[in-house]
Amino acid sequence: MHVDVLTLFPDMFEGVLHSSIMKKAQDQQAASFRVTDFREYSTNKHKKVDDYPYGGGAGMVLKPEPLFAAVESLTSSAESEPRIILMCPQGERYTQKKAEELSKEDHLIFICGHYEGYDERIREHLVTDEISLGDFVLTGGEVASMAIIDSVVRLLPEVLGNEQSAVHDSFSTGMLEHPQYTRPASFNGLEVPPVLLSGNHAEIDKWREEQVFQRTAERRPELLKDASLTEHQQKLYQQWKQKRD
């Protein structure tokens, strides 16, 4: 996978893209990254990329010319059609399902905005996706794009080292992950559940299924509506519904 980022603050990406899983992905040639300051594509002698909105209003709006020119430059020799992602609080709310969808692409381009917003022609005629991390506003799209890039790249084959790591993550199954414990078995009088020490893998799997259901029901019950439930979890779901009713 190749990932391009268009931003006015390329230095923000240095640590993120060259550390931890992102570095490992590059070392294994599973992913490559290129960060571009789209101010370079401004035709204004002062390299201006924003202007006042027509009709008046507060703030400045990103102009279409630099971003259209930047995307054209990045895709002129591309072997496949990229997904061009606009980071925007008005976009579709990001989910693990979207991460899995994007992880199947060969080329992603992230546009990180700043100022008050984008010229609407960027939304309508340049991008393929508009994505929001949630119902809040950030100073720019940089932090949001870093989060999405991380969530996508970690799903690429061989990047995590253990293929099951991503499979059992919270939200990958539509529900929250079960509790995890490690050594020591007893810490300050706090004990690891005995079933995890039993060596009985059938009972451990059953316990984990129950914990996944209970944790999701307690913390994010709305997820249960569309979750993929095992046969055991379906029984737990019916019991849970009866108690609620």
Protein backbone atom coordinates (compact mmCIF):
# COMPACT_ATOMS: atom_id res chain seq x y z
CA MET A 1 0.00 0.00 0.00
CA HIS A 2 1.17 3.54 -0.75
CA VAL A 3 -0.15 6.39 1.40
CA ASP A 4 0.07 10.05 0.41
CA VAL A 5 -0.71 12.86 2.83
CA LEU A 6 -1.44 16.42 1.72
CA THR A 7 -0.91 18.85 4.57
CA LEU A 8 0.35 22.33 5.41
CA PHE A 9 2.29 20.89 8.38
CA PRO A 10 4.41 17.98 7.12
CA ASP A 11 6.69 18.03 10.17
CA MET A 12 3.80 16.75 12.30
CA PHE A 13 4.09 13.33 10.63
CA GLU A 14 7.79 12.68 11.18
CA GLY A 15 7.55 10.83 14.48
CA VAL A 16 4.31 9.01 13.72
CA LEU A 17 5.31 7.55 10.36
CA HIS A 18 8.81 6.52 11.45
CA SER A 19 8.00 4.82 14.75
CA SER A 20 6.39 1.63 16.01
CA ILE A 21 4.07 -0.22 13.62
CA MET A 22 4.37 2.41 10.88
CA LYS A 23 8.15 1.94 10.78
CA LYS A 24 7.76 -1.82 10.81
CA ALA A 25 5.32 -1.66 7.89
CA GLN A 26 7.87 0.28 5.86
CA ASP A 27 10.74 -2.00 6.85
CA GLN A 28 8.69 -4.98 5.64
CA GLN A 29 7.71 -3.10 2.48
CA ALA A 30 4.05 -3.54 3.36
CA ALA A 31 3.48 0.22 3.13
CA SER A 32 5.19 3.37 1.95
CA PHE A 33 4.42 6.96 2.90
CA ARG A 34 4.88 10.33 1.27
CA VAL A 35 3.95 13.60 2.96
CA THR A 36 3.51 16.64 0.74
CA ASP A 37 3.07 20.29 1.66
CA PHE A 38 0.35 21.31 -0.78
CA ARG A 39 1.41 24.94 -0.39
CA GLU A 40 4.03 23.99 -2.99
CA TYR A 41 1.21 23.78 -5.54
CA SER A 42 -0.05 27.30 -4.97
CA THR A 43 0.26 29.57 -8.00
CA ASN A 44 0.10 32.66 -5.82
CA LYS A 45 3.43 34.46 -5.48
CA HIS A 46 2.99 34.42 -1.70
CA LYS A 47 2.10 30.70 -1.76
CA LYS A 48 -1.35 31.48 -0.40
CA VAL A 49 -3.71 28.49 -0.19
CA ASP A 50 -6.78 30.09 1.41
CA ASP A 51 -9.08 33.04 0.83
CA TYR A 52 -12.16 34.77 2.24
CA PRO A 53 -15.47 32.98 1.66
CA TYR A 54 -17.85 34.38 -0.94
CA GLY A 55 -20.90 35.88 0.75
CA GLY A 56 -18.94 36.79 3.86
CA GLY A 57 -18.46 34.92 7.09
CA ALA A 58 -15.81 34.15 9.67
CA GLY A 59 -12.50 32.47 8.88
CA MET A 60 -10.70 31.50 5.72
CA VAL A 61 -11.49 28.75 3.20
CA LEU A 62 -9.00 26.48 1.43
CA LYS A 63 -8.78 27.26 -2.28
CA PRO A 64 -9.39 24.49 -4.84
CA GLU A 65 -6.41 25.10 -7.16
CA PRO A 66 -3.54 23.86 -4.93
CA LEU A 67 -5.33 20.68 -3.88
CA PHE A 68 -6.53 19.78 -7.37
CA ALA A 69 -3.00 20.35 -8.71
CA ALA A 70 -1.41 18.33 -5.90
CA VAL A 71 -3.71 15.34 -6.42
CA GLU A 72 -3.15 15.46 -10.17
CA SER A 73 0.60 15.40 -9.59
CA LEU A 74 0.41 12.49 -7.15
CA THR A 75 -1.80 10.41 -9.43
CA SER A 76 -0.34 11.20 -12.87
CA SER A 77 1.72 8.00 -12.90
CA ALA A 78 -0.37 5.94 -10.47
CA GLU A 79 -0.98 2.31 -11.42
CA SER A 80 -4.41 2.20 -9.76
CA GLU A 81 -7.19 4.61 -8.88
CA PRO A 82 -6.55 5.97 -5.38
CA ARG A 83 -9.09 6.56 -2.65
CA ILE A 84 -8.90 10.30 -1.96
CA ILE A 85 -9.95 10.93 1.62
CA LEU A 86 -10.98 14.32 2.93
CA MET A 87 -10.66 14.69 6.70
CA CYS A 88 -13.78 16.58 7.68
CA PRO A 89 -16.13 16.79 10.71
CA GLN A 90 -19.05 16.59 8.26
CA GLY A 91 -17.88 13.24 6.89
CA GLU A 92 -18.94 9.68 7.62
CA ARG A 93 -18.04 8.61 11.15
CA TYR A 94 -14.99 6.36 11.12
CA THR A 95 -15.35 2.71 12.15
CA GLN A 96 -13.31 -0.48 12.20
CA LYS A 97 -15.35 -1.67 9.23
CA LYS A 98 -14.14 1.36 7.25
CA ALA A 99 -10.55 0.61 8.32
CA GLU A 100 -10.90 -2.94 6.99
CA GLU A 101 -12.34 -1.61 3.73
CA LEU A 102 -9.49 0.87 3.23
CA SER A 103 -6.85 -1.74 4.09
CA LYS A 104 -7.70 -3.51 0.82
CA GLU A 105 -6.71 -0.50 -1.29
CA ASP A 106 -3.35 -0.02 -3.04
CA HIS A 107 -3.20 3.77 -2.81
CA LEU A 108 -4.70 6.19 -0.30
CA ILE A 109 -4.48 9.98 -0.40
CA PHE A 110 -5.38 11.96 2.72
CA ILE A 111 -6.23 15.65 2.50
CA CYS A 112 -5.71 17.47 5.78
CA GLY A 113 -7.55 20.75 5.92
CA HIS A 114 -7.05 23.77 8.09
CA TYR A 115 -8.77 27.10 8.60
CA GLU A 116 -12.57 27.37 8.40
CA GLY A 117 -13.18 24.75 5.72
CA TYR A 118 -12.83 23.69 2.09
CA ASP A 119 -14.09 25.16 -1.15
CA GLU A 120 -17.11 22.97 -1.89
CA ARG A 121 -15.74 22.00 -5.30
CA ILE A 122 -13.06 19.96 -3.49
CA ARG A 123 -15.78 17.89 -1.84
CA GLU A 124 -17.88 17.48 -4.95
CA HIS A 125 -15.30 16.88 -7.65
CA LEU A 126 -11.99 15.74 -6.11
CA VAL A 127 -12.45 13.36 -3.20
CA THR A 128 -13.91 9.86 -3.01
CA ASP A 129 -14.49 9.76 0.77
CA GLU A 130 -15.16 12.23 3.57
CA ILE A 131 -14.29 10.88 7.02
CA SER A 132 -14.75 12.19 10.55
CA LEU A 133 -13.31 10.67 13.72
CA GLY A 134 -16.37 11.77 15.68
CA ASP A 135 -18.61 14.62 16.69
CA PHE A 136 -15.92 17.08 17.64
CA VAL A 137 -13.70 19.56 15.82
CA LEU A 138 -9.90 19.49 15.60
CA THR A 139 -7.61 22.33 14.56
CA GLY A 140 -6.79 20.47 11.36
CA GLY A 141 -7.01 17.08 9.71
CA GLU A 142 -3.50 15.97 10.61
CA VAL A 143 -4.18 14.21 13.91
CA ALA A 144 -7.29 12.51 12.50
CA SER A 145 -5.44 11.25 9.41
CA MET A 146 -2.63 9.86 11.60
CA ALA A 147 -5.19 7.85 13.57
CA ILE A 148 -6.79 6.47 10.41
CA ILE A 149 -3.47 5.62 8.76
CA ASP A 150 -2.41 3.72 11.89
CA SER A 151 -5.70 1.81 12.06
CA VAL A 152 -5.47 0.83 8.37
CA VAL A 153 -1.79 -0.05 8.08
CA ARG A 154 -1.84 -2.34 11.15
CA LEU A 155 -4.36 -4.50 9.25
CA LEU A 156 -1.99 -5.17 6.34
CA PRO A 157 -0.69 -8.77 6.15
CA GLU A 158 2.35 -9.52 8.34
CA VAL A 159 2.49 -6.04 9.88
CA LEU A 160 1.38 -7.05 13.38
CA GLY A 161 3.28 -10.33 13.30
CA ASN A 162 0.32 -12.29 14.69
CA GLU A 163 -2.66 -12.38 12.31
CA GLN A 164 -5.03 -13.10 15.19
CA SER A 165 -4.13 -9.83 16.93
CA ALA A 166 -6.30 -7.74 14.60
CA VAL A 167 -9.03 -10.36 14.31
CA HIS A 168 -9.83 -10.21 18.03
CA ASP A 169 -9.52 -6.44 18.45
CA SER A 170 -12.47 -4.51 19.82
CA PHE A 171 -14.99 -3.74 17.03
CA SER A 172 -13.47 -6.28 14.58
CA THR A 173 -16.27 -8.68 15.53
CA GLY A 174 -18.74 -5.87 16.08
CA MET A 175 -18.26 -6.02 19.86
CA LEU A 176 -15.72 -5.07 22.50
CA GLU A 177 -12.76 -7.29 23.31
CA HIS A 178 -12.72 -9.56 26.36
CA PRO A 179 -10.54 -8.69 29.42
CA GLN A 180 -6.86 -9.61 29.24
CA TYR A 181 -4.53 -10.72 32.04
CA THR A 182 -0.83 -11.57 32.30
CA ARG A 183 1.67 -12.59 34.99
CA PRO A 184 1.70 -12.50 37.97
CA ALA A 185 -1.41 -14.53 38.69
CA SER A 186 -1.78 -12.70 42.00
CA PHE A 187 -0.96 -9.02 42.44
CA ASN A 188 -1.70 -7.08 45.62
CA GLY A 189 -4.44 -9.57 46.41
CA LEU A 190 -5.98 -9.18 42.95
CA GLU A 191 -6.37 -12.55 41.25
CA VAL A 192 -6.52 -13.65 37.65
CA PRO A 193 -9.81 -15.50 36.95
CA PRO A 194 -9.16 -19.20 37.69
CA VAL A 195 -10.54 -20.37 34.34
CA LEU A 196 -7.62 -18.68 32.54
CA LEU A 197 -5.17 -20.77 34.59
CA SER A 198 -7.04 -24.03 34.09
CA GLY A 199 -5.57 -25.05 30.76
CA ASN A 200 -9.08 -25.99 29.60
CA HIS A 201 -9.27 -24.16 26.27
CA ALA A 202 -12.94 -24.96 25.70
CA GLU A 203 -13.85 -23.36 29.02
CA ILE A 204 -11.52 -20.42 28.34
CA ASP A 205 -13.19 -19.80 24.96
CA LYS A 206 -16.61 -19.98 26.60
CA TRP A 207 -15.54 -17.53 29.33
CA ARG A 208 -14.17 -15.12 26.72
CA GLU A 209 -17.40 -15.28 24.69
CA GLU A 210 -19.34 -14.43 27.85
CA GLN A 211 -17.00 -11.58 28.74
CA VAL A 212 -17.18 -10.13 25.23
CA PHE A 213 -20.96 -10.11 25.43
CA GLN A 214 -21.13 -8.75 29.00
CA ARG A 215 -18.60 -5.99 28.40
CA THR A 216 -20.38 -4.88 25.23
CA ALA A 217 -23.81 -5.02 26.90
CA GLU A 218 -22.56 -2.91 29.81
CA ARG A 219 -20.52 -0.34 27.90
CA ARG A 220 -21.83 -0.20 24.32
CA PRO A 221 -25.21 -1.99 24.20
CA GLU A 222 -26.11 -0.36 20.88
CA LEU A 223 -23.42 -2.51 19.22
CA LEU A 224 -25.32 -5.70 19.98
CA LYS A 225 -27.99 -4.91 17.40
CA ASP A 226 -25.66 -5.58 14.45
CA ALA A 227 -23.03 -7.80 16.10
CA SER A 228 -22.11 -11.29 14.89
CA LEU A 229 -23.05 -13.44 17.89
CA THR A 230 -21.98 -17.01 18.53
CA GLU A 231 -24.63 -19.56 19.50
CA HIS A 232 -23.67 -19.16 23.15
CA GLN A 233 -23.80 -15.36 22.89
CA GLN A 234 -27.23 -15.52 21.27
CA LYS A 235 -28.51 -17.32 24.37
CA LEU A 236 -26.89 -14.66 26.56
CA TYR A 237 -28.51 -11.99 24.38
CA GLN A 238 -31.97 -13.45 24.87
CA GLN A 239 -31.44 -13.62 28.64
CA TRP A 240 -30.18 -10.04 28.63
CA LYS A 241 -33.20 -8.83 26.63
CA GLN A 242 -35.61 -10.57 29.01
CA LYS A 243 -34.00 -8.87 31.99
CA ARG A 244 -34.21 -5.49 30.28
CA ASP A 245 -37.83 -5.98 29.27
